Amino acid sequence: MDIGSRKYNPPFVVHSDIFRTAHLVRKQMGVNRNLSQVFHAHVSYLENCFGVGNLIFPTFNYDFPITRVFDIEKTDSQVGSLTNYVRSLEGFSRTTTPIFSFAVDKARAKTYSNTPFGKGSVYDDLYNEDGTIVLYGTGINSCNYLHYVESQFGPPRYRYDKFFNGTLIVNDECVECEVLFHARPLGINWGYDWSELERILIDAGAIISLECNMFAVKARDLSEIWGDRIRVNDLSILSDECRFDVSRRLADLGRRFVLSDFEGIK
């Protein structure tokens, strides 16, 4: 897909809010329409824009640390109604990484890493293939590709590594599973400076408007621009309040956070 002089490559990870992109499919919809027709119209629109087989949708569910169960068929996505529709489609397959799963085209389906922001992850493929993130009605604060960038230039001092163990259910078969990622520390009013993170992308010309409430940015641009900011001052990507608290704690410790600093040894 060419936008001006910039070429945006597949695959396309789509963060969606169909309430803010309803205007893009209104012409396709009749007067009598149900939710299934609405969802179908949005998927068709995205496939027309980016190509059949090129779309990846987050299907995140944050309950695994509590329930310790991830059923790829029955565990709902908690990141938008469209993503629940997509994961039910015959042409898509859901990845088996707990918490941070994705609905990917079946032609792309494979076993991904249990580290969702590290090597062998969906985001790692996106970076290696020079893919693109599409903000379809969502803001830049929905782009948790930032955690992959933190891993590329980290590990982040202000987070700590944590394993979550549980049960994965695939086709009614249960197997033990685990997921590992850098968790945000408990007891801190956590936040990123999304306004600044967006501003530096805009200043670099990395965010391109496609339609009203629809934007695209290349994964490698995110890694380069946000990565440069992290390299110079890793704490600068945090919100003011969060940065103040984190910097004070890191200075006292003289090292990166570890799990026992906040949760005890588990």
Protein backbone atom coordinates (compact mmCIF):
# COMPACT_ATOMS: atom_id res chain seq x y z
CA MET A 1 0.00 0.00 0.00
CA ASP A 2 1.45 3.35 -1.06
CA ILE A 3 0.58 6.53 0.82
CA GLY A 4 2.29 9.44 -0.86
CA SER A 5 5.92 8.44 -1.15
CA ARG A 6 5.76 5.98 1.76
CA LYS A 7 5.19 2.28 1.17
CA TYR A 8 3.39 0.46 3.96
CA ASN A 9 4.02 -3.26 3.97
CA PRO A 10 2.05 -6.21 5.30
CA PRO A 11 1.29 -7.63 7.70
CA PHE A 12 -1.00 -5.03 9.25
CA VAL A 13 -1.75 -5.19 12.97
CA VAL A 14 -5.11 -3.46 13.46
CA HIS A 15 -6.10 -1.78 16.72
CA SER A 16 -9.80 -1.08 16.31
CA ASP A 17 -12.66 0.98 17.68
CA ILE A 18 -15.53 0.58 15.23
CA PHE A 19 -17.64 3.27 16.88
CA ARG A 20 -15.14 5.87 15.69
CA THR A 21 -14.85 4.37 12.19
CA ALA A 22 -18.55 3.73 11.54
CA HIS A 23 -18.53 6.47 8.91
CA LEU A 24 -16.10 4.43 6.79
CA VAL A 25 -18.59 1.60 6.21
CA ARG A 26 -21.87 3.52 6.28
CA LYS A 27 -22.28 3.35 2.51
CA GLN A 28 -21.96 -0.43 2.58
CA MET A 29 -24.67 -0.83 5.19
CA GLY A 30 -28.39 -1.02 4.51
CA VAL A 31 -31.13 0.25 6.77
CA ASN A 32 -31.78 -3.16 8.29
CA ARG A 33 -28.50 -4.29 9.72
CA ASN A 34 -27.37 -6.47 12.61
CA LEU A 35 -24.08 -6.63 14.44
CA SER A 36 -22.77 -9.44 12.28
CA GLN A 37 -23.33 -7.32 9.18
CA VAL A 38 -21.61 -4.36 10.81
CA PHE A 39 -18.57 -6.48 11.74
CA HIS A 40 -18.46 -8.02 8.26
CA ALA A 41 -18.51 -4.57 6.69
CA HIS A 42 -15.54 -3.43 8.77
CA VAL A 43 -13.49 -6.53 7.99
CA SER A 44 -14.32 -6.19 4.28
CA TYR A 45 -13.30 -2.55 4.36
CA LEU A 46 -9.97 -3.38 5.97
CA GLU A 47 -9.33 -6.25 3.57
CA ASN A 48 -10.06 -3.93 0.64
CA CYS A 49 -7.57 -1.43 2.05
CA PHE A 50 -4.79 -3.80 3.05
CA GLY A 51 -5.41 -7.09 1.25
CA VAL A 52 -6.98 -10.40 2.20
CA GLY A 53 -4.66 -12.43 4.39
CA ASN A 54 -2.65 -9.43 5.56
CA LEU A 55 -4.57 -8.53 8.72
CA ILE A 56 -3.70 -9.32 12.33
CA PHE A 57 -6.00 -8.36 15.22
CA PRO A 58 -5.09 -8.25 18.92
CA THR A 59 -7.39 -10.53 20.92
CA PHE A 60 -5.97 -9.70 24.34
CA ASN A 61 -7.59 -10.94 27.54
CA TYR A 62 -6.10 -9.83 30.86
CA ASP A 63 -7.80 -12.39 33.13
CA PHE A 64 -5.15 -15.13 32.83
CA PRO A 65 -3.14 -14.02 35.91
CA ILE A 66 -6.30 -14.61 37.95
CA THR A 67 -8.06 -17.49 36.21
CA ARG A 68 -4.86 -19.26 35.06
CA VAL A 69 -6.86 -20.60 32.09
CA PHE A 70 -6.70 -19.55 28.44
CA ASP A 71 -9.14 -21.28 26.08
CA ILE A 72 -8.39 -20.03 22.58
CA GLU A 73 -11.97 -20.69 21.49
CA LYS A 74 -13.95 -19.58 24.55
CA THR A 75 -11.84 -16.86 26.17
CA ASP A 76 -13.19 -13.55 24.94
CA SER A 77 -11.07 -10.76 23.59
CA GLN A 78 -11.23 -7.66 25.78
CA VAL A 79 -9.94 -5.20 23.20
CA GLY A 80 -12.99 -4.43 21.09
CA SER A 81 -16.10 -6.08 19.75
CA LEU A 82 -14.65 -6.43 16.25
CA THR A 83 -11.82 -8.60 17.54
CA ASN A 84 -14.26 -11.12 19.01
CA TYR A 85 -15.97 -11.34 15.64
CA VAL A 86 -12.69 -11.80 13.80
CA ARG A 87 -11.47 -14.62 16.03
CA SER A 88 -14.63 -16.56 15.13
CA LEU A 89 -13.99 -16.34 11.39
CA GLU A 90 -12.90 -19.44 9.53
CA GLY A 91 -9.98 -17.67 7.87
CA PHE A 92 -8.32 -16.65 11.12
CA SER A 93 -6.45 -18.60 13.78
CA ARG A 94 -5.84 -17.40 17.32
CA THR A 95 -2.33 -17.57 18.70
CA THR A 96 -1.77 -19.51 21.91
CA THR A 97 0.17 -16.96 23.95
CA PRO A 98 -1.89 -16.19 27.08
CA ILE A 99 -2.96 -12.60 27.73
CA PHE A 100 -1.47 -11.19 24.53
CA SER A 101 -2.98 -13.40 21.83
CA PHE A 102 -3.72 -12.37 18.24
CA ALA A 103 -6.07 -13.45 15.48
CA VAL A 104 -3.87 -14.05 12.45
CA ASP A 105 -4.65 -15.27 8.99
CA LYS A 106 -4.47 -19.06 8.92
CA ALA A 107 -1.79 -18.91 6.25
CA ARG A 108 0.41 -17.13 8.82
CA ALA A 109 -0.49 -19.37 11.75
CA LYS A 110 2.45 -20.89 13.61
CA THR A 111 3.71 -21.40 17.13
CA TYR A 112 4.75 -18.07 18.57
CA SER A 113 6.96 -17.42 21.57
CA ASN A 114 5.56 -17.31 25.11
CA THR A 115 7.28 -13.92 25.41
CA PRO A 116 4.77 -11.64 23.63
CA PHE A 117 7.18 -8.71 23.33
CA GLY A 118 10.36 -10.64 22.59
CA LYS A 119 11.97 -12.83 19.96
CA GLY A 120 9.60 -15.11 18.09
CA SER A 121 6.54 -13.02 18.95
CA VAL A 122 3.94 -11.58 16.60
CA TYR A 123 5.52 -8.15 17.06
CA ASP A 124 8.94 -9.60 16.30
CA ASP A 125 7.57 -10.91 13.00
CA LEU A 126 5.98 -7.52 12.34
CA TYR A 127 9.34 -5.81 12.80
CA ASN A 128 11.31 -8.37 10.79
CA GLU A 129 8.82 -8.19 7.90
CA ASP A 130 8.75 -4.38 7.94
CA GLY A 131 5.03 -4.50 8.73
CA THR A 132 2.60 -1.80 9.74
CA ILE A 133 0.34 -0.88 12.63
CA VAL A 134 -3.09 0.51 11.76
CA LEU A 135 -4.96 2.63 14.29
CA TYR A 136 -8.52 2.05 13.12
CA GLY A 137 -10.47 4.42 15.33
CA THR A 138 -8.01 4.14 18.23
CA GLY A 139 -5.33 6.48 19.52
CA ILE A 140 -1.61 5.90 19.78
CA ASN A 141 -2.10 4.87 23.42
CA SER A 142 -3.58 1.58 22.19
CA CYS A 143 -0.29 0.72 20.50
CA ASN A 144 1.34 -1.70 22.92
CA TYR A 145 4.03 -2.35 20.33
CA LEU A 146 5.80 0.07 22.68
CA HIS A 147 6.50 -2.91 24.95
CA TYR A 148 8.32 -4.62 22.10
CA VAL A 149 10.44 -1.49 21.63
CA GLU A 150 11.17 -1.52 25.36
CA SER A 151 12.45 -5.07 24.95
CA GLN A 152 14.54 -4.15 21.91
CA PHE A 153 16.31 -1.39 23.82
CA GLY A 154 16.03 -2.89 27.28
CA PRO A 155 15.07 -4.74 29.23
CA PRO A 156 13.32 -1.74 30.79
CA ARG A 157 14.68 -0.77 34.20
CA TYR A 158 11.27 0.45 35.33
CA ARG A 159 9.50 -2.89 34.81
CA TYR A 160 10.32 -6.40 36.01
CA ASP A 161 10.13 -9.84 34.41
CA LYS A 162 7.30 -12.04 35.57
CA PHE A 163 6.09 -15.54 34.67
CA PHE A 164 2.42 -16.49 34.71
CA ASN A 165 1.66 -20.22 34.63
CA GLY A 166 -1.64 -21.89 33.85
CA THR A 167 -3.61 -24.07 31.47
CA LEU A 168 -4.00 -23.65 27.73
CA ILE A 169 -7.08 -25.24 26.13
CA VAL A 170 -6.98 -25.96 22.41
CA ASN A 171 -9.74 -28.05 20.84
CA ASP A 172 -10.83 -29.18 24.32
CA GLU A 173 -7.33 -30.48 25.08
CA CYS A 174 -5.55 -29.04 28.13
CA VAL A 175 -1.82 -28.46 28.36
CA GLU A 176 0.34 -26.54 30.81
CA CYS A 177 1.52 -23.16 29.59
CA GLU A 178 3.28 -20.03 30.73
CA VAL A 179 3.77 -16.48 29.55
CA LEU A 180 6.69 -14.18 30.38
CA PHE A 181 6.79 -10.43 29.96
CA HIS A 182 7.99 -7.33 31.75
CA ALA A 183 5.17 -6.35 34.11
CA ARG A 184 4.47 -2.88 35.39
CA PRO A 185 5.32 -2.44 39.07
CA LEU A 186 2.55 -2.54 41.65
CA GLY A 187 2.00 0.49 43.88
CA ILE A 188 3.07 3.04 41.28
CA ASN A 189 0.64 5.36 39.53
CA TRP A 190 1.70 3.97 36.19
CA GLY A 191 1.54 5.90 32.95
CA TYR A 192 3.35 6.70 29.72
CA ASP A 193 3.66 10.16 28.21
CA TRP A 194 1.53 9.27 25.19
CA SER A 195 1.21 12.89 24.08
CA GLU A 196 4.97 13.17 23.78
CA LEU A 197 5.31 9.74 22.20
CA GLU A 198 2.76 10.79 19.58
CA ARG A 199 4.35 14.21 19.06
CA ILE A 200 7.75 12.82 18.17
CA LEU A 201 6.13 10.47 15.65
CA ILE A 202 4.25 13.37 14.06
CA ASP A 203 7.37 15.53 13.97
CA ALA A 204 9.20 12.71 12.20
CA GLY A 205 6.38 12.30 9.67
CA ALA A 206 5.89 8.71 10.75
CA ILE A 207 2.13 8.87 11.32
CA ILE A 208 0.12 9.07 8.13
CA SER A 209 -3.60 9.82 8.12
CA LEU A 210 -5.52 7.40 5.91
CA GLU A 211 -9.07 8.48 6.65
CA CYS A 212 -10.83 10.36 9.43
CA ASN A 213 -9.93 8.48 12.65
CA MET A 214 -7.70 6.04 10.75
CA PHE A 215 -3.91 6.22 10.81
CA ALA A 216 -0.93 4.02 9.98
CA VAL A 217 2.67 3.84 11.16
CA LYS A 218 5.41 1.42 10.24
CA ALA A 219 6.65 -0.83 13.00
CA ARG A 220 10.28 -0.08 12.18
CA ASP A 221 9.59 3.65 12.42
CA LEU A 222 8.18 3.09 15.90
CA SER A 223 11.25 1.09 16.87
CA GLU A 224 13.63 3.72 15.51
CA ILE A 225 11.90 6.84 16.84
CA TRP A 226 10.74 5.53 20.21
CA GLY A 227 13.93 3.50 20.52
CA ASP A 228 16.07 6.61 20.07
CA ARG A 229 14.13 8.30 22.87
CA ILE A 230 14.59 5.28 25.15
CA ARG A 231 18.30 5.08 24.33
CA VAL A 232 18.87 8.71 25.29
CA ASN A 233 16.67 8.71 28.41
CA ASP A 234 14.56 5.64 29.05
CA LEU A 235 12.47 7.29 31.76
CA SER A 236 11.47 10.15 29.44
CA ILE A 237 8.69 8.07 27.89
CA LEU A 238 6.91 7.86 31.26
CA SER A 239 4.32 10.36 32.50
CA ASP A 240 5.60 13.08 34.84
CA GLU A 241 4.15 11.56 38.01
CA CYS A 242 5.23 8.05 37.12
CA ARG A 243 8.73 9.18 36.13
CA PHE A 244 9.23 11.01 39.42
CA ASP A 245 8.26 7.96 41.48
CA VAL A 246 10.21 5.49 39.32
CA SER A 247 13.39 7.55 39.23
CA ARG A 248 13.38 7.91 43.01
CA ARG A 249 12.95 4.16 43.52
CA LEU A 250 15.58 3.26 40.92
CA ALA A 251 18.06 5.65 42.53
CA ASP A 252 17.49 4.01 45.91
CA LEU A 253 17.95 0.51 44.47
CA GLY A 254 20.84 1.26 42.13
CA ARG A 255 19.59 -1.36 39.67
CA ARG A 256 16.64 -2.47 37.58
CA PHE A 257 13.39 -3.43 39.30
CA VAL A 258 12.86 -7.11 40.11
CA LEU A 259 9.64 -8.83 41.13
CA SER A 260 10.57 -9.13 44.81
CA ASP A 261 10.83 -5.34 45.07
CA PHE A 262 7.05 -5.14 44.72
CA GLU A 263 5.43 -8.53 45.08
CA GLY A 264 7.74 -10.71 47.10
CA ILE A 265 9.22 -13.98 45.84
CA LYS A 266 6.58 -16.17 44.15
